[in-house]
């Protein structure tokens, strides 16, 4: 008799220890940049940590650009699609996105729900992730078909899935974050914690902090809903420049190297550690790891 773990998705994901879904109630809160930083910080948390990042924001894939992997092809092997490795032959940071499958990065993805569902199922069942300590999944804003498809397809490994919620401090974003929290509770997803992004702007000249979107709303929501507050992230101009890197993309630094990765992706791994945000995120990852190794994740 076939068990649920014998499904194609179950067989493919059984070698992944922890799956972290990054979600937000609305767009524009910096969810993809948080997903990228989470993957980078988890990789840096141990010299042997192996991390994957899956971009299921099908209509707005931005992870390849942020990791300096724009334009890289996806290779097919006898065992499925081979993810693109941001760190080349070291192979400790794997990435997969619909952005790799577009002929031009400017092309729009105009798909109805069933085709999105099929694409997500293919990502989960056909990508050759191998043994991973962590798989970070960047989702679209809100709670839509993509989120339901993820939870349904990953039912065989539901006990390994948890979520991180991203919000900004203002009231509208917090209201939508509550809807996201409601989704995790309806689908029995443990929540590792909440991150308040864009919490203040640090002037690069004088260091003065201006709370352009107010502050403290995320922490108050976490307290009220009995969630772990992972921390606040200010607007970091160095990080914005690093993840955007338009000039690097234009100068060909995103071109694939023979050993995998690109000059920009290797540069990103080194330069991220020097940004003001990196030590803040390191503390957040420490809390995430504590949650993953304990029974403290809230359902």
Protein backbone atom coordinates (compact mmCIF):
# COMPACT_ATOMS: atom_id res chain seq x y z
CA UNK A 1 0.00 0.00 0.00
CA UNK A 2 1.33 3.45 -0.94
CA UNK A 3 1.76 5.91 1.93
CA UNK A 4 1.60 9.68 1.64
CA UNK A 5 5.39 9.88 1.92
CA UNK A 6 5.62 7.85 -1.30
CA UNK A 7 4.20 10.72 -3.34
CA UNK A 8 6.63 12.47 -5.71
CA UNK A 9 6.70 15.56 -3.47
CA UNK A 10 7.12 13.48 -0.32
CA UNK A 11 10.02 11.53 -1.81
CA UNK A 12 11.74 14.69 -3.04
CA UNK A 13 11.39 16.67 0.20
CA UNK A 14 12.08 13.93 2.73
CA UNK A 15 15.80 14.81 2.70
CA UNK A 16 15.04 18.41 3.78
CA UNK A 17 15.13 18.93 7.54
CA UNK A 18 13.28 22.25 7.86
CA UNK A 19 10.99 24.11 5.45
CA UNK A 20 10.31 27.79 6.23
CA UNK A 21 7.54 29.62 4.38
CA UNK A 22 8.02 33.41 4.38
CA UNK A 23 4.70 35.20 3.99
CA UNK A 24 3.16 38.64 4.30
CA UNK A 25 -0.38 39.95 4.27
CA UNK A 26 0.34 42.57 1.60
CA UNK A 27 2.92 43.52 -0.99
CA UNK A 28 5.64 46.10 -0.52
CA UNK A 29 6.73 45.07 2.97
CA UNK A 30 10.09 43.65 1.85
CA UNK A 31 9.19 39.96 2.07
CA UNK A 32 11.54 38.87 -0.72
CA UNK A 33 14.48 40.77 0.74
CA UNK A 34 13.74 39.15 4.11
CA UNK A 35 13.63 35.72 2.41
CA UNK A 36 16.99 36.42 0.78
CA UNK A 37 18.55 37.56 4.06
CA UNK A 38 17.11 34.55 5.87
CA UNK A 39 18.70 32.20 3.35
CA UNK A 40 22.04 34.03 3.50
CA UNK A 41 22.03 34.12 7.31
CA UNK A 42 21.06 30.46 7.66
CA UNK A 43 23.92 29.54 5.33
CA UNK A 44 26.30 31.60 7.48
CA UNK A 45 24.98 30.05 10.71
CA UNK A 46 27.20 26.99 10.27
CA UNK A 47 30.16 26.14 8.03
CA UNK A 48 28.29 23.06 6.84
CA UNK A 49 24.74 24.44 6.58
CA UNK A 50 23.06 23.68 3.26
CA UNK A 51 20.23 26.02 2.29
CA UNK A 52 17.77 26.21 -0.58
CA UNK A 53 15.53 29.12 -1.53
CA UNK A 54 12.43 28.51 -3.64
CA UNK A 55 10.70 31.50 -5.24
CA UNK A 56 7.00 30.74 -5.75
CA UNK A 57 6.06 34.39 -6.30
CA UNK A 58 5.27 33.33 -9.85
CA UNK A 59 4.07 36.66 -11.20
CA UNK A 60 6.83 38.72 -9.56
CA UNK A 61 9.96 36.58 -9.16
CA UNK A 62 12.73 38.71 -7.66
CA UNK A 63 14.99 36.22 -5.87
CA UNK A 64 17.27 35.58 -8.91
CA UNK A 65 17.96 39.32 -9.20
CA UNK A 66 18.64 39.71 -5.48
CA UNK A 67 21.10 36.82 -5.48
CA UNK A 68 22.88 38.02 -8.62
CA UNK A 69 21.66 35.07 -10.68
CA UNK A 70 19.60 36.80 -13.37
CA UNK A 71 19.76 35.03 -16.71
CA UNK A 72 21.11 31.73 -15.42
CA UNK A 73 19.69 28.64 -17.13
CA UNK A 74 18.15 25.69 -15.32
CA UNK A 75 19.76 22.40 -16.29
CA UNK A 76 17.80 19.17 -16.59
CA UNK A 77 19.31 15.95 -15.25
CA UNK A 78 18.09 12.37 -15.16
CA UNK A 79 16.97 13.08 -11.58
CA UNK A 80 15.12 16.34 -12.26
CA UNK A 81 15.88 20.04 -12.47
CA UNK A 82 19.22 21.14 -11.05
CA UNK A 83 18.87 24.30 -8.92
CA UNK A 84 21.15 27.28 -9.55
CA UNK A 85 23.86 27.56 -6.89
CA UNK A 86 24.70 31.10 -5.80
CA UNK A 87 27.96 29.89 -4.26
CA UNK A 88 29.07 27.81 -7.24
CA UNK A 89 30.79 24.49 -6.62
CA UNK A 90 30.50 24.89 -2.85
CA UNK A 91 26.79 24.14 -3.40
CA UNK A 92 25.50 25.36 -0.04
CA UNK A 93 23.01 27.93 -1.37
CA UNK A 94 20.65 26.57 -4.02
CA UNK A 95 17.98 28.64 -5.75
CA UNK A 96 15.00 27.86 -7.96
CA UNK A 97 12.57 30.38 -9.45
CA UNK A 98 10.23 30.75 -12.39
CA UNK A 99 12.45 33.70 -13.24
CA UNK A 100 15.06 31.22 -14.54
CA UNK A 101 12.49 29.77 -16.97
CA UNK A 102 11.47 33.01 -18.69
CA UNK A 103 12.95 33.81 -22.10
CA UNK A 104 13.31 37.43 -21.04
CA UNK A 105 13.22 38.70 -17.46
CA UNK A 106 10.76 41.40 -18.58
CA UNK A 107 8.20 38.78 -19.68
CA UNK A 108 5.02 38.64 -17.62
CA UNK A 109 3.62 35.42 -16.22
CA UNK A 110 -0.10 35.41 -17.12
CA UNK A 111 -1.37 32.16 -15.64
CA UNK A 112 -4.63 31.07 -14.10
CA UNK A 113 -4.81 29.12 -10.85
CA UNK A 114 -4.51 25.56 -12.28
CA UNK A 115 -1.30 26.38 -14.15
CA UNK A 116 0.19 28.06 -11.06
CA UNK A 117 -0.73 24.99 -9.06
CA UNK A 118 0.97 22.71 -11.59
CA UNK A 119 4.13 24.86 -11.59
CA UNK A 120 4.38 24.76 -7.80
CA UNK A 121 3.86 21.00 -7.79
CA UNK A 122 6.63 20.65 -10.37
CA UNK A 123 8.98 22.82 -8.32
CA UNK A 124 8.35 20.67 -5.26
CA UNK A 125 8.55 17.28 -6.98
CA UNK A 126 11.10 17.80 -9.78
CA UNK A 127 13.86 20.03 -8.35
CA UNK A 128 16.90 18.04 -7.24
CA UNK A 129 17.51 19.77 -3.92
CA UNK A 130 19.45 16.92 -2.35
CA UNK A 131 20.13 17.01 1.39
CA UNK A 132 19.21 20.40 2.81
CA UNK A 133 19.17 21.72 6.34
CA UNK A 134 16.76 24.51 5.41
CA UNK A 135 14.48 25.31 2.48
CA UNK A 136 13.23 28.91 2.50
CA UNK A 137 10.12 29.50 0.37
CA UNK A 138 9.36 33.05 -0.77
CA UNK A 139 5.61 33.34 -1.39
CA UNK A 140 3.44 35.98 -3.08
CA UNK A 141 1.72 38.63 -0.95
CA UNK A 142 -1.56 37.70 0.70
CA UNK A 143 -3.06 34.23 1.02
CA UNK A 144 -3.88 32.96 -2.45
CA UNK A 145 -3.81 29.86 -4.67
CA UNK A 146 -0.04 29.58 -4.33
CA UNK A 147 -0.21 29.30 -0.53
CA UNK A 148 -2.96 26.69 -0.61
CA UNK A 149 -1.10 24.71 -3.26
CA UNK A 150 2.08 24.74 -1.17
CA UNK A 151 0.36 23.47 1.96
CA UNK A 152 -1.61 20.81 0.10
CA UNK A 153 1.33 19.48 -1.91
CA UNK A 154 3.63 19.43 1.11
CA UNK A 155 1.17 17.52 3.31
CA UNK A 156 3.52 14.48 3.42
CA UNK A 157 6.15 16.62 5.19
CA UNK A 158 3.80 18.90 7.12
CA UNK A 159 5.66 18.26 10.36
CA UNK A 160 8.76 19.97 8.91
CA UNK A 161 6.99 23.15 7.76
CA UNK A 162 6.82 26.42 9.65
CA UNK A 163 6.26 30.06 8.77
CA UNK A 164 7.77 33.50 9.28
CA UNK A 165 5.45 36.51 8.93
CA UNK A 166 6.79 39.83 7.63
CA UNK A 167 5.08 43.16 8.20
CA UNK A 168 5.82 46.86 8.40
CA UNK A 169 4.82 48.96 11.42
CA UNK A 170 1.86 50.86 9.97
CA UNK A 171 -1.70 49.85 10.80
CA UNK A 172 -2.76 48.79 7.28
CA UNK A 173 0.14 46.34 6.98
CA UNK A 174 -0.55 44.95 10.46
CA UNK A 175 -4.19 44.34 9.59
CA UNK A 176 -3.14 42.32 6.55
CA UNK A 177 -0.51 40.49 8.60
CA UNK A 178 -3.34 39.35 10.89
CA UNK A 179 -5.00 37.74 7.86
CA UNK A 180 -1.75 35.95 7.12
CA UNK A 181 -1.62 34.73 10.72
CA UNK A 182 -5.21 33.54 10.40
CA UNK A 183 -4.18 31.48 7.35
CA UNK A 184 -1.35 29.78 9.25
CA UNK A 185 -3.74 28.88 12.04
CA UNK A 186 -6.38 27.58 9.64
CA UNK A 187 -3.79 25.33 7.99
CA UNK A 188 -2.05 24.34 11.26
CA UNK A 189 1.28 25.90 10.28
CA UNK A 190 3.56 26.67 13.25
CA UNK A 191 4.73 30.29 13.23
CA UNK A 192 8.40 30.77 14.10
CA UNK A 193 7.90 34.47 14.62
CA UNK A 194 7.17 37.89 13.21
CA UNK A 195 9.61 40.38 11.66
CA UNK A 196 8.89 44.12 11.56
CA UNK A 197 10.60 45.40 8.42
CA UNK A 198 11.26 49.04 7.44
CA UNK A 199 11.15 50.01 11.11
CA UNK A 200 12.84 53.38 10.90
CA UNK A 201 15.39 54.89 8.54
CA UNK A 202 18.98 55.34 9.65
CA UNK A 203 20.55 58.44 8.11
CA UNK A 204 23.85 57.35 6.50
CA UNK A 205 25.37 60.76 7.32
CA UNK A 206 24.51 61.39 10.97
CA UNK A 207 23.04 58.09 12.14
CA UNK A 208 19.77 59.65 13.29
CA UNK A 209 16.79 57.26 13.13
CA UNK A 210 13.55 58.56 11.60
CA UNK A 211 10.43 56.42 12.07
CA UNK A 212 8.94 57.08 8.65
CA UNK A 213 6.38 54.26 8.98
CA UNK A 214 5.89 54.60 12.76
CA UNK A 215 7.40 51.85 14.90
CA UNK A 216 6.56 49.11 17.38
CA UNK A 217 3.39 47.86 15.69
CA UNK A 218 4.87 44.46 14.84
CA UNK A 219 6.16 43.92 18.35
CA UNK A 220 2.78 44.82 19.81
CA UNK A 221 1.01 42.41 17.43
CA UNK A 222 3.41 39.62 18.39
CA UNK A 223 2.77 40.27 22.08
CA UNK A 224 -0.99 40.36 21.60
CA UNK A 225 -1.08 37.16 19.51
CA UNK A 226 1.47 35.29 21.64
CA UNK A 227 4.02 35.07 18.81
CA UNK A 228 7.78 35.27 19.02
CA UNK A 229 8.92 38.72 17.95
CA UNK A 230 12.04 38.04 15.92
CA UNK A 231 13.05 41.70 15.70
CA UNK A 232 12.89 44.95 13.75
CA UNK A 233 14.83 45.88 10.61
CA UNK A 234 15.45 49.51 9.63
CA UNK A 235 15.66 50.68 6.03
CA UNK A 236 19.28 49.92 5.13
CA UNK A 237 20.52 51.82 2.09
CA UNK A 238 23.60 49.59 1.79
CA UNK A 239 21.40 46.49 1.68
CA UNK A 240 19.07 48.07 -0.90
CA UNK A 241 22.05 48.86 -3.14
CA UNK A 242 23.49 45.38 -2.68
CA UNK A 243 20.30 43.46 -3.49
CA UNK A 244 19.26 45.77 -6.33
CA UNK A 245 22.68 46.17 -7.97
CA UNK A 246 21.34 47.43 -11.30
CA UNK A 247 24.78 48.48 -12.53
CA UNK A 248 26.23 45.04 -11.82
CA UNK A 249 23.47 43.38 -13.80
CA UNK A 250 24.07 45.71 -16.75
CA UNK A 251 27.83 45.15 -16.75
CA UNK A 252 27.50 41.38 -17.11
CA UNK A 253 28.55 40.50 -13.58
CA UNK A 254 25.51 38.21 -13.31
CA UNK A 255 26.81 35.98 -16.11
CA UNK A 256 27.24 32.33 -15.12
CA UNK A 257 30.77 31.23 -14.23
CA UNK A 258 32.11 27.77 -15.22
CA UNK A 259 32.01 26.61 -11.57
CA UNK A 260 28.46 27.97 -11.13
CA UNK A 261 27.23 31.18 -9.54
CA UNK A 262 28.37 34.54 -10.85
CA UNK A 263 30.81 37.28 -9.88
CA UNK A 264 27.92 39.20 -8.37
CA UNK A 265 26.52 36.25 -6.40
CA UNK A 266 29.96 35.51 -4.88
CA UNK A 267 30.41 39.22 -4.15
CA UNK A 268 26.97 39.30 -2.53
CA UNK A 269 27.84 36.52 -0.08
CA UNK A 270 30.89 38.45 1.09
CA UNK A 271 29.42 41.96 1.14
CA UNK A 272 26.17 41.04 2.91
CA UNK A 273 28.05 40.26 6.11
CA UNK A 274 29.37 43.86 6.13
CA UNK A 275 25.95 45.57 5.91
CA UNK A 276 24.43 47.15 9.05
CA UNK A 277 21.46 44.78 8.72
CA UNK A 278 23.49 41.55 8.83
CA UNK A 279 24.20 41.53 12.61
CA UNK A 280 20.53 42.34 13.29
CA UNK A 281 19.40 39.46 11.14
CA UNK A 282 21.95 37.16 12.76
CA UNK A 283 20.11 37.65 16.06
CA UNK A 284 16.80 36.87 14.36
CA UNK A 285 18.18 33.66 12.88
CA UNK A 286 19.40 32.66 16.33
CA UNK A 287 15.79 32.94 17.55
CA UNK A 288 14.55 31.01 14.51
CA UNK A 289 17.01 28.19 15.19
CA UNK A 290 15.93 28.11 18.84
CA UNK A 291 12.32 27.77 17.71
CA UNK A 292 13.16 25.00 15.25
CA UNK A 293 14.95 22.97 17.91
CA UNK A 294 12.21 23.35 20.49
CA UNK A 295 8.48 22.87 20.68
CA UNK A 296 7.88 26.59 21.08
CA UNK A 297 6.53 27.32 17.58
CA UNK A 298 2.98 28.61 17.88
CA UNK A 299 0.27 26.84 15.91
